[in-house]
Amino acid sequence: MSPPLSYGGVYWGHGGSVTGYETRGGATEDDRAANVAVTMQPSQATKERMDGVVDTARCR
């Protein structure tokens, strides 16, 4: 997948889940990368925060 970043551009990667775990990660074309993992079944709000953390890491 290639979700948009808040500063423009996109990152390439994907998230994944299995009961009790959730991940988000990928890299931009300029070699910025970030990965986030939680070891719980996250709520929708937690998933949105994870996306925000990944976006912030790639945009700074």
PDB file of N, CA and C in Angstrom:
ATOM      1  N   MET A   1       0.837  -1.175   0.000  1.00  0.00           N
ATOM      2  CA  MET A   1       0.000   0.000   0.000  1.00  0.00           C
ATOM      3  C   MET A   1       0.878   1.233   0.000  1.00  0.00           C
ATOM      4  N   SER A   2       0.316   2.352  -0.342  1.00  0.00           N
ATOM      5  CA  SER A   2       1.085   3.598  -0.377  1.00  0.00           C
ATOM      6  C   SER A   2       0.240   4.743   0.165  1.00  0.00           C
ATOM      7  N   PRO A   3       0.069   4.805   1.496  1.00  0.00           N
ATOM      8  CA  PRO A   3      -0.714   5.874   2.095  1.00  0.00           C
ATOM      9  C   PRO A   3      -0.006   7.231   1.990  1.00  0.00           C
ATOM     10  N   PRO A   4      -0.771   8.314   1.895  1.00  0.00           N
ATOM     11  CA  PRO A   4      -0.159   9.644   1.832  1.00  0.00           C
ATOM     12  C   PRO A   4       0.410  10.058   3.188  1.00  0.00           C
ATOM     13  N   LEU A   5       1.447  10.882   3.147  1.00  0.00           N
ATOM     14  CA  LEU A   5       2.043  11.456   4.350  1.00  0.00           C
ATOM     15  C   LEU A   5       1.540  12.882   4.528  1.00  0.00           C
ATOM     16  N   SER A   6       1.558  13.380   5.733  1.00  0.00           N
ATOM     17  CA  SER A   6       1.014  14.707   6.011  1.00  0.00           C
ATOM     18  C   SER A   6       1.803  15.822   5.308  1.00  0.00           C
ATOM     19  N   TYR A   7       3.101  15.632   5.065  1.00  0.00           N
ATOM     20  CA  TYR A   7       3.902  16.670   4.421  1.00  0.00           C
ATOM     21  C   TYR A   7       3.889  16.554   2.904  1.00  0.00           C
ATOM     22  N   GLY A   8       3.193  15.563   2.377  1.00  0.00           N
ATOM     23  CA  GLY A   8       3.168  15.289   0.947  1.00  0.00           C
ATOM     24  C   GLY A   8       3.945  14.022   0.665  1.00  0.00           C
ATOM     25  N   GLY A   9       3.745  13.455  -0.477  1.00  0.00           N
ATOM     26  CA  GLY A   9       4.406  12.200  -0.809  1.00  0.00           C
ATOM     27  C   GLY A   9       3.673  11.027  -0.176  1.00  0.00           C
ATOM     28  N   VAL A  10       4.248   9.856  -0.351  1.00  0.00           N
ATOM     29  CA  VAL A  10       3.664   8.627   0.181  1.00  0.00           C
ATOM     30  C   VAL A  10       4.767   7.770   0.770  1.00  0.00           C
ATOM     31  N   TYR A  11       4.379   6.757   1.521  1.00  0.00           N
ATOM     32  CA  TYR A  11       5.339   5.753   1.936  1.00  0.00           C
ATOM     33  C   TYR A  11       4.847   4.406   1.430  1.00  0.00           C
ATOM     34  N   TRP A  12       5.789   3.492   1.246  1.00  0.00           N
ATOM     35  CA  TRP A  12       5.482   2.165   0.742  1.00  0.00           C
ATOM     36  C   TRP A  12       5.688   1.158   1.850  1.00  0.00           C
ATOM     37  N   GLY A  13       4.691   0.364   2.106  1.00  0.00           N
ATOM     38  CA  GLY A  13       4.779  -0.651   3.145  1.00  0.00           C
ATOM     39  C   GLY A  13       3.391  -1.172   3.458  1.00  0.00           C
ATOM     40  N   HIS A  14       3.249  -1.738   4.627  1.00  0.00           N
ATOM     41  CA  HIS A  14       1.936  -2.235   5.034  1.00  0.00           C
ATOM     42  C   HIS A  14       1.922  -2.504   6.526  1.00  0.00           C
ATOM     43  N   GLY A  15       0.760  -2.595   7.058  1.00  0.00           N
ATOM     44  CA  GLY A  15       0.564  -2.999   8.436  1.00  0.00           C
ATOM     45  C   GLY A  15       0.102  -4.443   8.444  1.00  0.00           C
ATOM     46  N   GLY A  16      -0.026  -4.964   9.599  1.00  0.00           N
ATOM     47  CA  GLY A  16      -0.509  -6.333   9.715  1.00  0.00           C
ATOM     48  C   GLY A  16      -1.069  -6.568  11.093  1.00  0.00           C
ATOM     49  N   SER A  17      -1.837  -7.609  11.217  1.00  0.00           N
ATOM     50  CA  SER A  17      -2.387  -7.919  12.528  1.00  0.00           C
ATOM     51  C   SER A  17      -2.672  -9.408  12.640  1.00  0.00           C
ATOM     52  N   VAL A  18      -2.610  -9.863  13.845  1.00  0.00           N
ATOM     53  CA  VAL A  18      -3.032 -11.191  14.261  1.00  0.00           C
ATOM     54  C   VAL A  18      -3.517 -10.968  15.686  1.00  0.00           C
ATOM     55  N   THR A  19      -4.374 -11.777  16.167  1.00  0.00           N
ATOM     56  CA  THR A  19      -4.953 -11.553  17.489  1.00  0.00           C
ATOM     57  C   THR A  19      -3.870 -11.214  18.508  1.00  0.00           C
ATOM     58  N   GLY A  20      -3.987 -10.021  19.094  1.00  0.00           N
ATOM     59  CA  GLY A  20      -3.041  -9.580  20.109  1.00  0.00           C
ATOM     60  C   GLY A  20      -1.882  -8.733  19.610  1.00  0.00           C
ATOM     61  N   TYR A  21      -1.755  -8.543  18.301  1.00  0.00           N
ATOM     62  CA  TYR A  21      -0.649  -7.775  17.746  1.00  0.00           C
ATOM     63  C   TYR A  21      -1.132  -6.904  16.596  1.00  0.00           C
ATOM     64  N   GLU A  22      -0.498  -5.755  16.428  1.00  0.00           N
ATOM     65  CA  GLU A  22      -0.791  -4.859  15.311  1.00  0.00           C
ATOM     66  C   GLU A  22       0.513  -4.171  14.931  1.00  0.00           C
ATOM     67  N   THR A  23       0.784  -4.051  13.634  1.00  0.00           N
ATOM     68  CA  THR A  23       1.999  -3.380  13.172  1.00  0.00           C
ATOM     69  C   THR A  23       1.676  -2.377  12.074  1.00  0.00           C
ATOM     70  N   ARG A  24       2.555  -1.381  11.937  1.00  0.00           N
ATOM     71  CA  ARG A  24       2.533  -0.420  10.837  1.00  0.00           C
ATOM     72  C   ARG A  24       3.976  -0.180  10.448  1.00  0.00           C
ATOM     73  N   GLY A  25       4.243  -0.047   9.171  1.00  0.00           N
ATOM     74  CA  GLY A  25       5.612   0.220   8.778  1.00  0.00           C
ATOM     75  C   GLY A  25       5.765   0.415   7.289  1.00  0.00           C
ATOM     76  N   GLY A  26       6.950   0.869   6.900  1.00  0.00           N
ATOM     77  CA  GLY A  26       7.259   1.091   5.499  1.00  0.00           C
ATOM     78  C   GLY A  26       8.352   2.129   5.358  1.00  0.00           C
ATOM     79  N   ALA A  27       8.610   2.529   4.113  1.00  0.00           N
ATOM     80  CA  ALA A  27       9.680   3.480   3.827  1.00  0.00           C
ATOM     81  C   ALA A  27       9.253   4.431   2.717  1.00  0.00           C
ATOM     82  N   THR A  28       9.880   5.603   2.714  1.00  0.00           N
ATOM     83  CA  THR A  28       9.634   6.582   1.661  1.00  0.00           C
ATOM     84  C   THR A  28      10.678   6.395   0.566  1.00  0.00           C
ATOM     85  N   GLU A  29      10.489   7.088  -0.541  1.00  0.00           N
ATOM     86  CA  GLU A  29      11.439   6.991  -1.641  1.00  0.00           C
ATOM     87  C   GLU A  29      12.795   7.591  -1.297  1.00  0.00           C
ATOM     88  N   ASP A  30      12.845   8.481  -0.272  1.00  0.00           N
ATOM     89  CA  ASP A  30      14.125   9.063   0.138  1.00  0.00           C
ATOM     90  C   ASP A  30      14.737   8.304   1.324  1.00  0.00           C
ATOM     91  N   ASP A  31      14.369   7.035   1.474  1.00  0.00           N
ATOM     92  CA  ASP A  31      14.959   6.115   2.452  1.00  0.00           C
ATOM     93  C   ASP A  31      14.636   6.422   3.909  1.00  0.00           C
ATOM     94  N   ARG A  32      13.526   7.080   4.188  1.00  0.00           N
ATOM     95  CA  ARG A  32      13.083   7.250   5.570  1.00  0.00           C
ATOM     96  C   ARG A  32      12.169   6.087   5.896  1.00  0.00           C
ATOM     97  N   ALA A  33      12.408   5.450   7.026  1.00  0.00           N
ATOM     98  CA  ALA A  33      11.617   4.278   7.384  1.00  0.00           C
ATOM     99  C   ALA A  33      11.211   4.338   8.846  1.00  0.00           C
ATOM    100  N   ALA A  34      10.089   3.721   9.150  1.00  0.00           N
ATOM    101  CA  ALA A  34       9.630   3.618  10.531  1.00  0.00           C
ATOM    102  C   ALA A  34       8.735   2.390  10.647  1.00  0.00           C
ATOM    103  N   ASN A  35       8.771   1.769  11.806  1.00  0.00           N
ATOM    104  CA  ASN A  35       7.912   0.630  12.108  1.00  0.00           C
ATOM    105  C   ASN A  35       7.403   0.772  13.524  1.00  0.00           C
ATOM    106  N   VAL A  36       6.144   0.438  13.721  1.00  0.00           N
ATOM    107  CA  VAL A  36       5.525   0.493  15.035  1.00  0.00           C
ATOM    108  C   VAL A  36       4.810  -0.835  15.252  1.00  0.00           C
ATOM    109  N   ALA A  37       4.956  -1.401  16.452  1.00  0.00           N
ATOM    110  CA  ALA A  37       4.251  -2.636  16.797  1.00  0.00           C
ATOM    111  C   ALA A  37       3.671  -2.496  18.199  1.00  0.00           C
ATOM    112  N   VAL A  38       2.473  -2.995  18.383  1.00  0.00           N
ATOM    113  CA  VAL A  38       1.876  -3.051  19.719  1.00  0.00           C
ATOM    114  C   VAL A  38       1.484  -4.496  19.999  1.00  0.00           C
ATOM    115  N   THR A  39       1.568  -4.866  21.269  1.00  0.00           N
ATOM    116  CA  THR A  39       1.251  -6.236  21.669  1.00  0.00           C
ATOM    117  C   THR A  39      -0.034  -6.239  22.482  1.00  0.00           C
ATOM    118  N   MET A  40      -1.091  -5.885  21.809  1.00  0.00           N
ATOM    119  CA  MET A  40      -2.434  -5.891  22.381  1.00  0.00           C
ATOM    120  C   MET A  40      -3.411  -5.809  21.221  1.00  0.00           C
ATOM    121  N   GLN A  41      -4.639  -6.091  21.448  1.00  0.00           N
ATOM    122  CA  GLN A  41      -5.637  -5.899  20.401  1.00  0.00           C
ATOM    123  C   GLN A  41      -6.046  -4.433  20.457  1.00  0.00           C
ATOM    124  N   PRO A  42      -5.570  -3.609  19.522  1.00  0.00           N
ATOM    125  CA  PRO A  42      -5.781  -2.166  19.616  1.00  0.00           C
ATOM    126  C   PRO A  42      -7.192  -1.740  19.218  1.00  0.00           C
ATOM    127  N   SER A  43      -7.629  -0.655  19.834  1.00  0.00           N
ATOM    128  CA  SER A  43      -8.884  -0.017  19.447  1.00  0.00           C
ATOM    129  C   SER A  43      -8.649   0.775  18.168  1.00  0.00           C
ATOM    130  N   GLN A  44      -9.701   1.265  17.570  1.00  0.00           N
ATOM    131  CA  GLN A  44      -9.556   2.100  16.373  1.00  0.00           C
ATOM    132  C   GLN A  44      -8.730   3.349  16.690  1.00  0.00           C
ATOM    133  N   ALA A  45      -8.925   3.929  17.871  1.00  0.00           N
ATOM    134  CA  ALA A  45      -8.160   5.115  18.259  1.00  0.00           C
ATOM    135  C   ALA A  45      -6.665   4.795  18.343  1.00  0.00           C
ATOM    136  N   THR A  46      -6.315   3.616  18.862  1.00  0.00           N
ATOM    137  CA  THR A  46      -4.908   3.222  18.939  1.00  0.00           C
ATOM    138  C   THR A  46      -4.325   3.038  17.550  1.00  0.00           C
ATOM    139  N   LYS A  47      -5.084   2.430  16.639  1.00  0.00           N
ATOM    140  CA  LYS A  47      -4.616   2.261  15.260  1.00  0.00           C
ATOM    141  C   LYS A  47      -4.346   3.620  14.617  1.00  0.00           C
ATOM    142  N   GLU A  48      -5.215   4.586  14.870  1.00  0.00           N
ATOM    143  CA  GLU A  48      -5.017   5.935  14.322  1.00  0.00           C
ATOM    144  C   GLU A  48      -3.776   6.588  14.915  1.00  0.00           C
ATOM    145  N   ARG A  49      -3.532   6.384  16.214  1.00  0.00           N
ATOM    146  CA  ARG A  49      -2.316   6.911  16.835  1.00  0.00           C
ATOM    147  C   ARG A  49      -1.076   6.266  16.248  1.00  0.00           C
ATOM    148  N   MET A  50      -1.139   4.965  15.977  1.00  0.00           N
ATOM    149  CA  MET A  50      -0.008   4.280  15.355  1.00  0.00           C
ATOM    150  C   MET A  50       0.297   4.895  13.992  1.00  0.00           C
ATOM    151  N   ASP A  51      -0.731   5.143  13.204  1.00  0.00           N
ATOM    152  CA  ASP A  51      -0.534   5.785  11.902  1.00  0.00           C
ATOM    153  C   ASP A  51       0.108   7.155  12.078  1.00  0.00           C
ATOM    154  N   GLY A  52      -0.305   7.897  13.110  1.00  0.00           N
ATOM    155  CA  GLY A  52       0.264   9.216  13.387  1.00  0.00           C
ATOM    156  C   GLY A  52       1.729   9.147  13.770  1.00  0.00           C
ATOM    157  N   VAL A  53       2.099   8.147  14.555  1.00  0.00           N
ATOM    158  CA  VAL A  53       3.500   7.976  14.955  1.00  0.00           C
ATOM    159  C   VAL A  53       4.360   7.693  13.728  1.00  0.00           C
ATOM    160  N   VAL A  54       3.894   6.802  12.868  1.00  0.00           N
ATOM    161  CA  VAL A  54       4.638   6.476  11.650  1.00  0.00           C
ATOM    162  C   VAL A  54       4.761   7.719  10.759  1.00  0.00           C
ATOM    163  N   ASP A  55       3.684   8.470  10.606  1.00  0.00           N
ATOM    164  CA  ASP A  55       3.715   9.690   9.798  1.00  0.00           C
ATOM    165  C   ASP A  55       4.709  10.692  10.371  1.00  0.00           C
ATOM    166  N   THR A  56       4.677  10.927  11.675  1.00  0.00           N
ATOM    167  CA  THR A  56       5.593  11.872  12.308  1.00  0.00           C
ATOM    168  C   THR A  56       7.045  11.449  12.131  1.00  0.00           C
ATOM    169  N   ALA A  57       7.328  10.167  12.306  1.00  0.00           N
ATOM    170  CA  ALA A  57       8.708   9.683  12.156  1.00  0.00           C
ATOM    171  C   ALA A  57       9.224   9.889  10.737  1.00  0.00           C
ATOM    172  N   ARG A  58       8.382   9.739   9.759  1.00  0.00           N
ATOM    173  CA  ARG A  58       8.820   9.869   8.372  1.00  0.00           C
ATOM    174  C   ARG A  58       8.878  11.320   7.907  1.00  0.00           C
ATOM    175  N   CYS A  59       8.131  12.179   8.551  1.00  0.00           N
ATOM    176  CA  CYS A  59       8.056  13.576   8.106  1.00  0.00           C
ATOM    177  C   CYS A  59       9.088  14.472   8.771  1.00  0.00           C
ATOM    178  N   ARG A  60       9.801  13.998   9.749  1.00  0.00           N
ATOM    179  CA  ARG A  60      10.777  14.856  10.450  1.00  0.00           C
ATOM    180  C   ARG A  60      12.182  14.573  10.025  1.00  0.00           C
TER     181      ARG A  60
END
